[in-house]
């Protein structure tokens, strides 16, 4: 864990984050991520995500591949 003060590095509401979910984390019936895709493992200190706005210069289909 970090010793950063609370709120250090938090994104404002105008920003968005995305998380890559492997095929096993996607529900076959709905095509949506299962809740387990967002659960941290016991050995993790944080949940890995990407800042969506960093892909703004790419077309949506390329940006999704880049993630």
N, C-alpha and C. Protein backbone atom coordinates (compact mmCIF):
# COMPACT_ATOMS: atom_id res chain seq x y z
N UNK A 1 0.84 -1.18 0.00
CA UNK A 1 0.00 0.00 0.00
C UNK A 1 0.88 1.24 0.00
N UNK A 2 0.34 2.31 -0.49
CA UNK A 2 1.08 3.56 -0.61
C UNK A 2 0.90 4.41 0.65
N UNK A 3 1.89 5.25 0.90
CA UNK A 3 1.79 6.20 2.00
C UNK A 3 1.25 7.54 1.53
N UNK A 4 0.71 7.59 0.29
CA UNK A 4 0.16 8.83 -0.24
C UNK A 4 -1.00 9.29 0.61
N UNK A 5 -1.15 10.62 0.75
CA UNK A 5 -2.30 11.13 1.51
C UNK A 5 -3.60 10.76 0.82
N UNK A 6 -4.70 10.69 1.56
CA UNK A 6 -6.00 10.42 0.94
C UNK A 6 -6.25 11.41 -0.19
N UNK A 7 -6.91 10.96 -1.24
CA UNK A 7 -7.26 11.76 -2.42
C UNK A 7 -6.08 12.01 -3.34
N UNK A 8 -4.88 11.62 -2.97
CA UNK A 8 -3.72 11.80 -3.85
C UNK A 8 -3.89 10.90 -5.07
N UNK A 9 -3.84 11.49 -6.24
CA UNK A 9 -3.93 10.72 -7.46
C UNK A 9 -5.33 10.32 -7.89
N UNK A 10 -6.37 10.79 -7.20
CA UNK A 10 -7.73 10.45 -7.60
C UNK A 10 -8.12 11.24 -8.84
N UNK A 11 -8.88 10.62 -9.71
CA UNK A 11 -9.36 11.30 -10.91
C UNK A 11 -10.66 12.01 -10.60
N UNK A 12 -10.87 13.14 -11.25
CA UNK A 12 -12.13 13.86 -11.10
C UNK A 12 -13.24 13.15 -11.86
N UNK A 13 -14.46 13.61 -11.68
CA UNK A 13 -15.63 12.98 -12.30
C UNK A 13 -15.62 13.06 -13.82
N UNK A 14 -14.81 13.95 -14.41
CA UNK A 14 -14.76 14.08 -15.86
C UNK A 14 -13.88 13.00 -16.50
N UNK A 15 -13.24 12.17 -15.70
CA UNK A 15 -12.37 11.11 -16.19
C UNK A 15 -13.04 9.75 -16.03
N UNK A 16 -12.59 8.80 -16.83
CA UNK A 16 -13.14 7.45 -16.80
C UNK A 16 -12.02 6.43 -16.81
N UNK A 17 -12.23 5.32 -16.17
CA UNK A 17 -11.26 4.23 -16.20
C UNK A 17 -11.94 2.99 -16.76
N UNK A 18 -11.13 2.14 -17.37
CA UNK A 18 -11.62 0.88 -17.93
C UNK A 18 -10.74 -0.24 -17.40
N UNK A 19 -11.29 -1.42 -17.38
CA UNK A 19 -10.55 -2.59 -16.92
C UNK A 19 -10.67 -3.68 -17.97
N UNK A 20 -9.55 -4.27 -18.34
CA UNK A 20 -9.57 -5.39 -19.27
C UNK A 20 -10.10 -6.62 -18.54
N UNK A 21 -11.07 -7.28 -19.12
CA UNK A 21 -11.62 -8.50 -18.54
C UNK A 21 -11.37 -9.64 -19.52
N UNK A 22 -10.69 -10.66 -19.05
CA UNK A 22 -10.44 -11.82 -19.88
C UNK A 22 -11.73 -12.55 -20.23
N UNK A 23 -11.64 -13.43 -21.20
CA UNK A 23 -12.82 -14.14 -21.70
C UNK A 23 -13.55 -14.90 -20.59
N UNK A 24 -12.80 -15.46 -19.65
CA UNK A 24 -13.42 -16.23 -18.57
C UNK A 24 -14.21 -15.34 -17.62
N UNK A 25 -13.99 -14.03 -17.66
CA UNK A 25 -14.69 -13.11 -16.76
C UNK A 25 -15.94 -12.51 -17.40
N UNK A 26 -16.26 -12.95 -18.62
CA UNK A 26 -17.43 -12.43 -19.32
C UNK A 26 -18.56 -13.46 -19.28
N UNK A 27 -19.74 -13.02 -18.90
CA UNK A 27 -20.91 -13.89 -18.85
C UNK A 27 -21.30 -14.31 -20.27
N UNK A 28 -21.45 -15.61 -20.48
CA UNK A 28 -21.85 -16.10 -21.80
C UNK A 28 -23.28 -15.67 -22.15
N UNK A 29 -24.13 -15.58 -21.16
CA UNK A 29 -25.54 -15.26 -21.44
C UNK A 29 -25.76 -13.78 -21.72
N UNK A 30 -25.06 -12.90 -21.01
CA UNK A 30 -25.31 -11.46 -21.19
C UNK A 30 -24.21 -10.73 -21.96
N UNK A 31 -23.01 -11.31 -22.00
CA UNK A 31 -21.88 -10.64 -22.64
C UNK A 31 -21.27 -9.56 -21.77
N UNK A 32 -21.74 -9.43 -20.54
CA UNK A 32 -21.24 -8.43 -19.60
C UNK A 32 -20.20 -9.05 -18.66
N UNK A 33 -19.30 -8.23 -18.12
CA UNK A 33 -18.33 -8.76 -17.16
C UNK A 33 -19.02 -9.28 -15.91
N UNK A 34 -18.51 -10.38 -15.38
CA UNK A 34 -18.99 -10.89 -14.10
C UNK A 34 -18.42 -10.02 -12.99
N UNK A 35 -19.08 -9.96 -11.86
CA UNK A 35 -18.61 -9.12 -10.75
C UNK A 35 -17.22 -9.55 -10.28
N UNK A 36 -16.89 -10.82 -10.41
CA UNK A 36 -15.57 -11.31 -9.98
C UNK A 36 -14.43 -10.64 -10.75
N UNK A 37 -14.71 -10.11 -11.92
CA UNK A 37 -13.68 -9.44 -12.72
C UNK A 37 -13.17 -8.17 -12.02
N UNK A 38 -13.93 -7.67 -11.06
CA UNK A 38 -13.56 -6.43 -10.38
C UNK A 38 -13.15 -6.66 -8.93
N UNK A 39 -12.97 -7.91 -8.56
CA UNK A 39 -12.55 -8.23 -7.20
C UNK A 39 -11.03 -8.38 -7.17
N UNK A 40 -10.40 -7.71 -6.21
CA UNK A 40 -8.95 -7.83 -6.07
C UNK A 40 -8.60 -9.21 -5.53
N UNK A 41 -7.49 -9.73 -5.99
CA UNK A 41 -6.99 -10.99 -5.46
C UNK A 41 -6.29 -10.70 -4.13
N UNK A 42 -6.12 -11.73 -3.32
CA UNK A 42 -5.50 -11.55 -2.00
C UNK A 42 -4.10 -10.96 -2.07
N UNK A 43 -3.37 -11.24 -3.13
CA UNK A 43 -1.99 -10.75 -3.24
C UNK A 43 -1.88 -9.40 -3.95
N UNK A 44 -2.99 -8.74 -4.23
CA UNK A 44 -2.97 -7.45 -4.92
C UNK A 44 -3.20 -6.29 -3.96
N UNK A 45 -2.48 -5.19 -4.21
CA UNK A 45 -2.66 -3.99 -3.41
C UNK A 45 -3.63 -3.01 -4.07
N UNK A 46 -3.88 -3.19 -5.35
CA UNK A 46 -4.78 -2.29 -6.06
C UNK A 46 -5.35 -3.01 -7.27
N UNK A 47 -6.42 -2.48 -7.83
CA UNK A 47 -7.06 -3.04 -9.00
C UNK A 47 -6.49 -2.33 -10.23
N UNK A 48 -6.02 -3.08 -11.18
CA UNK A 48 -5.42 -2.52 -12.39
C UNK A 48 -6.49 -2.01 -13.34
N UNK A 49 -6.38 -0.75 -13.72
CA UNK A 49 -7.30 -0.13 -14.67
C UNK A 49 -6.50 0.75 -15.62
N UNK A 50 -7.14 1.20 -16.68
CA UNK A 50 -6.54 2.13 -17.64
C UNK A 50 -7.36 3.40 -17.68
N UNK A 51 -6.69 4.51 -17.92
CA UNK A 51 -7.35 5.81 -18.04
C UNK A 51 -7.90 5.91 -19.45
N UNK A 52 -9.23 5.88 -19.61
CA UNK A 52 -9.88 5.82 -20.91
C UNK A 52 -9.52 7.01 -21.79
N UNK A 53 -9.41 8.18 -21.23
CA UNK A 53 -9.16 9.38 -22.04
C UNK A 53 -7.80 9.36 -22.74
N UNK A 54 -6.88 8.50 -22.29
CA UNK A 54 -5.58 8.46 -22.98
C UNK A 54 -5.72 7.85 -24.36
N UNK A 55 -6.85 7.21 -24.66
CA UNK A 55 -7.08 6.61 -25.96
C UNK A 55 -7.93 7.51 -26.86
N UNK A 56 -8.12 8.76 -26.50
CA UNK A 56 -9.03 9.65 -27.24
C UNK A 56 -8.63 9.87 -28.69
N UNK A 57 -7.37 9.74 -29.02
CA UNK A 57 -6.92 10.01 -30.38
C UNK A 57 -7.15 8.83 -31.32
N UNK A 58 -7.52 7.69 -30.79
CA UNK A 58 -7.74 6.50 -31.60
C UNK A 58 -9.21 6.30 -31.90
N UNK A 59 -9.50 5.65 -33.03
CA UNK A 59 -10.86 5.25 -33.31
C UNK A 59 -11.29 4.24 -32.24
N UNK A 60 -12.58 4.19 -31.88
CA UNK A 60 -13.01 3.31 -30.78
C UNK A 60 -12.58 1.86 -30.93
N UNK A 61 -12.63 1.30 -32.15
CA UNK A 61 -12.25 -0.11 -32.30
C UNK A 61 -10.76 -0.31 -32.08
N UNK A 62 -9.93 0.66 -32.45
CA UNK A 62 -8.50 0.56 -32.22
C UNK A 62 -8.18 0.79 -30.76
N UNK A 63 -8.86 1.74 -30.13
CA UNK A 63 -8.63 2.02 -28.72
C UNK A 63 -8.94 0.80 -27.86
N UNK A 64 -10.00 0.09 -28.17
CA UNK A 64 -10.35 -1.10 -27.39
C UNK A 64 -9.32 -2.20 -27.57
N UNK A 65 -8.77 -2.32 -28.77
CA UNK A 65 -7.71 -3.30 -28.99
C UNK A 65 -6.47 -2.90 -28.21
N UNK A 66 -6.19 -1.59 -28.11
CA UNK A 66 -5.02 -1.09 -27.40
C UNK A 66 -5.08 -1.32 -25.92
N UNK A 67 -6.25 -1.43 -25.36
CA UNK A 67 -6.42 -1.65 -23.94
C UNK A 67 -6.09 -3.08 -23.67
